[in-house]
Amino acid sequence: MQEAVELLEPMTKDPVDFVRQAALMSLAMVLIQQSAAQNPAVTSVRQKFAAVIADKHEDSMAKFGAALAQGIIDAGGRNVTVSLLGRNGMKSMNAVVGMALFCQFWYWFPLAHCLSLGFAPTALIGLDKDLKVRSFHLATLL
């Protein structure tokens, strides 16, 4: 994971707008579900996203990439991850198609919404009306 971050961080300063945009979103996908305690790079990456968005001289493509990256890294209240597999361990066709469409968002930006098809929840806590934890069976949730 650290190698991927070290590879992507220099790309966030690239003079080509497409490269910066993709590097910012890739950093978010690599660091999703990571905390600052697990990976110290998370803090600097989050600051980088905020700095790119706030910089009025930054290109709009890089700003869009940073805004998407903030959404990706905080997706689902930080309770989801990107996964192409379903709960049964088999490939999820919805997730695969969603990620394939997301990869084409540069052509038509509304395709960026398809990324959410690739998200898989990492935690589920259910409470009843008395705020007591309930037990769930996966079959009842599907």
C-alpha atoms as a PDB file:
ATOM      1  CA  MET A   1       0.000   0.000   0.000  1.00  0.00           C
ATOM      2  CA  GLN A   2       2.785   2.420   0.906  1.00  0.00           C
ATOM      3  CA  GLU A   3       4.446   1.754  -2.453  1.00  0.00           C
ATOM      4  CA  ALA A   4       1.274   2.762  -4.268  1.00  0.00           C
ATOM      5  CA  VAL A   5       1.052   5.993  -2.273  1.00  0.00           C
ATOM      6  CA  GLU A   6       4.711   6.772  -2.993  1.00  0.00           C
ATOM      7  CA  LEU A   7       4.076   6.171  -6.691  1.00  0.00           C
ATOM      8  CA  LEU A   8       0.909   8.296  -6.856  1.00  0.00           C
ATOM      9  CA  GLU A   9       1.895  11.310  -4.743  1.00  0.00           C
ATOM     10  CA  PRO A  10       4.401  12.762  -7.256  1.00  0.00           C
ATOM     11  CA  MET A  11       1.718  12.474  -9.932  1.00  0.00           C
ATOM     12  CA  THR A  12      -0.466  14.949  -8.008  1.00  0.00           C
ATOM     13  CA  LYS A  13       2.047  17.649  -9.024  1.00  0.00           C
ATOM     14  CA  ASP A  14       2.200  16.672 -12.704  1.00  0.00           C
ATOM     15  CA  PRO A  15       1.707  19.519 -15.212  1.00  0.00           C
ATOM     16  CA  VAL A  16      -0.923  17.503 -17.121  1.00  0.00           C
ATOM     17  CA  ASP A  17      -4.431  18.006 -15.730  1.00  0.00           C
ATOM     18  CA  PHE A  18      -5.672  14.501 -16.553  1.00  0.00           C
ATOM     19  CA  VAL A  19      -2.763  12.962 -14.644  1.00  0.00           C
ATOM     20  CA  ARG A  20      -3.374  15.079 -11.531  1.00  0.00           C
ATOM     21  CA  GLN A  21      -7.082  14.276 -11.613  1.00  0.00           C
ATOM     22  CA  ALA A  22      -6.491  10.528 -11.911  1.00  0.00           C
ATOM     23  CA  ALA A  23      -3.732  10.543  -9.278  1.00  0.00           C
ATOM     24  CA  LEU A  24      -5.972  12.246  -6.725  1.00  0.00           C
ATOM     25  CA  MET A  25      -8.812   9.779  -7.286  1.00  0.00           C
ATOM     26  CA  SER A  26      -6.409   6.835  -7.260  1.00  0.00           C
ATOM     27  CA  LEU A  27      -4.957   7.960  -3.939  1.00  0.00           C
ATOM     28  CA  ALA A  28      -8.458   8.029  -2.497  1.00  0.00           C
ATOM     29  CA  MET A  29      -9.180   4.503  -3.730  1.00  0.00           C
ATOM     30  CA  VAL A  30      -5.911   3.212  -2.302  1.00  0.00           C
ATOM     31  CA  LEU A  31      -6.418   4.892   1.075  1.00  0.00           C
ATOM     32  CA  ILE A  32     -10.132   4.142   1.478  1.00  0.00           C
ATOM     33  CA  GLN A  33     -10.766   2.441   4.839  1.00  0.00           C
ATOM     34  CA  GLN A  34      -7.388   3.640   6.184  1.00  0.00           C
ATOM     35  CA  SER A  35      -7.023   5.813   9.250  1.00  0.00           C
ATOM     36  CA  ALA A  36      -4.172   8.155  10.139  1.00  0.00           C
ATOM     37  CA  ALA A  37      -3.040   5.639  12.773  1.00  0.00           C
ATOM     38  CA  GLN A  38      -2.792   2.857  10.184  1.00  0.00           C
ATOM     39  CA  ASN A  39      -1.184   4.957   7.478  1.00  0.00           C
ATOM     40  CA  PRO A  40       0.352   8.371   8.203  1.00  0.00           C
ATOM     41  CA  ALA A  41      -0.071   9.413   4.558  1.00  0.00           C
ATOM     42  CA  VAL A  42      -3.846   9.720   5.034  1.00  0.00           C
ATOM     43  CA  THR A  43      -3.556  13.069   6.820  1.00  0.00           C
ATOM     44  CA  SER A  44      -1.347  14.651   4.170  1.00  0.00           C
ATOM     45  CA  VAL A  45      -3.501  13.271   1.346  1.00  0.00           C
ATOM     46  CA  ARG A  46      -6.683  14.688   2.882  1.00  0.00           C
ATOM     47  CA  GLN A  47      -4.925  18.063   3.238  1.00  0.00           C
ATOM     48  CA  LYS A  48      -3.829  17.813  -0.398  1.00  0.00           C
ATOM     49  CA  PHE A  49      -7.442  17.279  -1.511  1.00  0.00           C
ATOM     50  CA  ALA A  50      -8.582  20.328   0.460  1.00  0.00           C
ATOM     51  CA  ALA A  51      -5.703  22.453  -0.857  1.00  0.00           C
ATOM     52  CA  VAL A  52      -6.416  21.575  -4.494  1.00  0.00           C
ATOM     53  CA  ILE A  53     -10.107  22.394  -4.088  1.00  0.00           C
ATOM     54  CA  ALA A  54      -9.388  25.704  -2.327  1.00  0.00           C
ATOM     55  CA  ASP A  55      -6.707  26.887  -4.784  1.00  0.00           C
ATOM     56  CA  LYS A  56      -8.367  29.327  -7.175  1.00  0.00           C
ATOM     57  CA  HIS A  57      -5.488  29.000  -9.660  1.00  0.00           C
ATOM     58  CA  GLU A  58      -5.834  25.215  -9.900  1.00  0.00           C
ATOM     59  CA  ASP A  59      -7.295  23.784 -13.084  1.00  0.00           C
ATOM     60  CA  SER A  60     -10.954  22.784 -12.928  1.00  0.00           C
ATOM     61  CA  MET A  61     -10.169  19.184 -13.887  1.00  0.00           C
ATOM     62  CA  ALA A  62      -7.843  18.778 -10.928  1.00  0.00           C
ATOM     63  CA  LYS A  63     -10.427  20.411  -8.661  1.00  0.00           C
ATOM     64  CA  PHE A  64     -13.068  17.987  -9.909  1.00  0.00           C
ATOM     65  CA  GLY A  65     -10.692  15.082  -9.280  1.00  0.00           C
ATOM     66  CA  ALA A  66      -9.982  16.309  -5.744  1.00  0.00           C
ATOM     67  CA  ALA A  67     -13.687  16.721  -5.020  1.00  0.00           C
ATOM     68  CA  LEU A  68     -14.385  13.199  -6.263  1.00  0.00           C
ATOM     69  CA  ALA A  69     -11.415  11.940  -4.264  1.00  0.00           C
ATOM     70  CA  GLN A  70     -12.805  13.457  -1.074  1.00  0.00           C
ATOM     71  CA  GLY A  71     -16.084  11.726  -1.758  1.00  0.00           C
ATOM     72  CA  ILE A  72     -14.369   8.412  -2.448  1.00  0.00           C
ATOM     73  CA  ILE A  73     -12.170   8.433   0.640  1.00  0.00           C
ATOM     74  CA  ASP A  74     -15.147   9.335   2.859  1.00  0.00           C
ATOM     75  CA  ALA A  75     -17.687   7.169   1.015  1.00  0.00           C
ATOM     76  CA  GLY A  76     -20.489   5.715   3.066  1.00  0.00           C
ATOM     77  CA  GLY A  77     -19.404   7.601   6.152  1.00  0.00           C
ATOM     78  CA  ARG A  78     -16.047   5.792   5.864  1.00  0.00           C
ATOM     79  CA  ASN A  79     -17.877   2.465   6.148  1.00  0.00           C
ATOM     80  CA  VAL A  80     -17.506   1.162   2.585  1.00  0.00           C
ATOM     81  CA  THR A  81     -14.700  -0.083   0.412  1.00  0.00           C
ATOM     82  CA  VAL A  82     -14.316  -0.684  -3.307  1.00  0.00           C
ATOM     83  CA  SER A  83     -14.899  -4.352  -4.072  1.00  0.00           C
ATOM     84  CA  LEU A  84     -15.689  -6.220  -7.248  1.00  0.00           C
ATOM     85  CA  LEU A  85     -16.685  -9.327  -5.298  1.00  0.00           C
ATOM     86  CA  GLY A  86     -20.032 -10.086  -3.732  1.00  0.00           C
ATOM     87  CA  ARG A  87     -20.602 -11.496  -0.250  1.00  0.00           C
ATOM     88  CA  ASN A  88     -20.365 -15.016  -1.620  1.00  0.00           C
ATOM     89  CA  GLY A  89     -16.860 -14.421  -3.019  1.00  0.00           C
ATOM     90  CA  MET A  90     -17.980 -14.441  -6.642  1.00  0.00           C
ATOM     91  CA  LYS A  91     -17.604 -11.512  -9.023  1.00  0.00           C
ATOM     92  CA  SER A  92     -20.414  -8.996  -8.698  1.00  0.00           C
ATOM     93  CA  MET A  93     -21.597  -8.078 -12.175  1.00  0.00           C
ATOM     94  CA  ASN A  94     -23.087  -4.805 -10.892  1.00  0.00           C
ATOM     95  CA  ALA A  95     -19.765  -3.792  -9.337  1.00  0.00           C
ATOM     96  CA  VAL A  96     -17.751  -4.739 -12.424  1.00  0.00           C
ATOM     97  CA  VAL A  97     -20.070  -2.831 -14.758  1.00  0.00           C
ATOM     98  CA  GLY A  98     -20.173   0.140 -12.366  1.00  0.00           C
ATOM     99  CA  MET A  99     -16.391   0.374 -12.237  1.00  0.00           C
ATOM    100  CA  ALA A 100     -16.129  -0.005 -16.019  1.00  0.00           C
ATOM    101  CA  LEU A 101     -18.583   2.842 -16.504  1.00  0.00           C
ATOM    102  CA  PHE A 102     -16.827   4.948 -13.867  1.00  0.00           C
ATOM    103  CA  CYS A 103     -13.588   4.603 -15.809  1.00  0.00           C
ATOM    104  CA  GLN A 104     -15.317   6.435 -18.668  1.00  0.00           C
ATOM    105  CA  PHE A 105     -16.467   9.426 -16.594  1.00  0.00           C
ATOM    106  CA  TRP A 106     -13.942  11.695 -18.353  1.00  0.00           C
ATOM    107  CA  TYR A 107     -16.042  11.320 -21.489  1.00  0.00           C
ATOM    108  CA  TRP A 108     -19.391  12.042 -19.835  1.00  0.00           C
ATOM    109  CA  PHE A 109     -19.077  13.104 -16.208  1.00  0.00           C
ATOM    110  CA  PRO A 110     -22.466  11.771 -14.974  1.00  0.00           C
ATOM    111  CA  LEU A 111     -20.908   8.298 -15.298  1.00  0.00           C
ATOM    112  CA  ALA A 112     -18.956   9.126 -12.124  1.00  0.00           C
ATOM    113  CA  HIS A 113     -22.068   8.124 -10.164  1.00  0.00           C
ATOM    114  CA  CYS A 114     -21.553   4.534 -11.313  1.00  0.00           C
ATOM    115  CA  LEU A 115     -18.636   4.207  -8.888  1.00  0.00           C
ATOM    116  CA  SER A 116     -21.148   3.650  -6.097  1.00  0.00           C
ATOM    117  CA  LEU A 117     -22.019   0.279  -7.682  1.00  0.00           C
ATOM    118  CA  GLY A 118     -18.526  -0.880  -6.727  1.00  0.00           C
ATOM    119  CA  PHE A 119     -18.871   0.021  -3.061  1.00  0.00           C
ATOM    120  CA  ALA A 120     -19.376  -2.747  -0.516  1.00  0.00           C
ATOM    121  CA  PRO A 121     -20.309  -2.088   3.118  1.00  0.00           C
ATOM    122  CA  THR A 122     -17.750  -3.031   5.739  1.00  0.00           C
ATOM    123  CA  ALA A 123     -19.905  -2.670   8.840  1.00  0.00           C
ATOM    124  CA  LEU A 124     -23.555  -3.075   9.655  1.00  0.00           C
ATOM    125  CA  ILE A 125     -24.933  -2.378  13.100  1.00  0.00           C
ATOM    126  CA  GLY A 126     -28.655  -2.672  13.632  1.00  0.00           C
ATOM    127  CA  LEU A 127     -30.568  -1.414  16.639  1.00  0.00           C
ATOM    128  CA  ASP A 128     -34.168  -2.043  17.597  1.00  0.00           C
ATOM    129  CA  LYS A 129     -36.572   0.526  19.058  1.00  0.00           C
ATOM    130  CA  ASP A 130     -34.995   0.043  22.525  1.00  0.00           C
ATOM    131  CA  LEU A 131     -31.519   0.712  21.065  1.00  0.00           C
ATOM    132  CA  LYS A 132     -30.430  -2.873  21.644  1.00  0.00           C
ATOM    133  CA  VAL A 133     -28.182  -4.544  19.095  1.00  0.00           C
ATOM    134  CA  ARG A 134     -30.025  -7.048  16.901  1.00  0.00           C
ATOM    135  CA  SER A 135     -28.529 -10.017  15.137  1.00  0.00           C
ATOM    136  CA  PHE A 136     -28.928 -10.279  11.381  1.00  0.00           C
ATOM    137  CA  HIS A 137     -28.695 -13.042   8.854  1.00  0.00           C
ATOM    138  CA  LEU A 138     -27.320 -12.059   5.461  1.00  0.00           C
ATOM    139  CA  ALA A 139     -30.238 -13.735   3.706  1.00  0.00           C
ATOM    140  CA  THR A 140     -32.689 -11.328   5.356  1.00  0.00           C
ATOM    141  CA  LEU A 141     -30.712  -8.285   4.196  1.00  0.00           C
ATOM    142  CA  LEU A 142     -30.598  -9.189   0.521  1.00  0.00           C
END
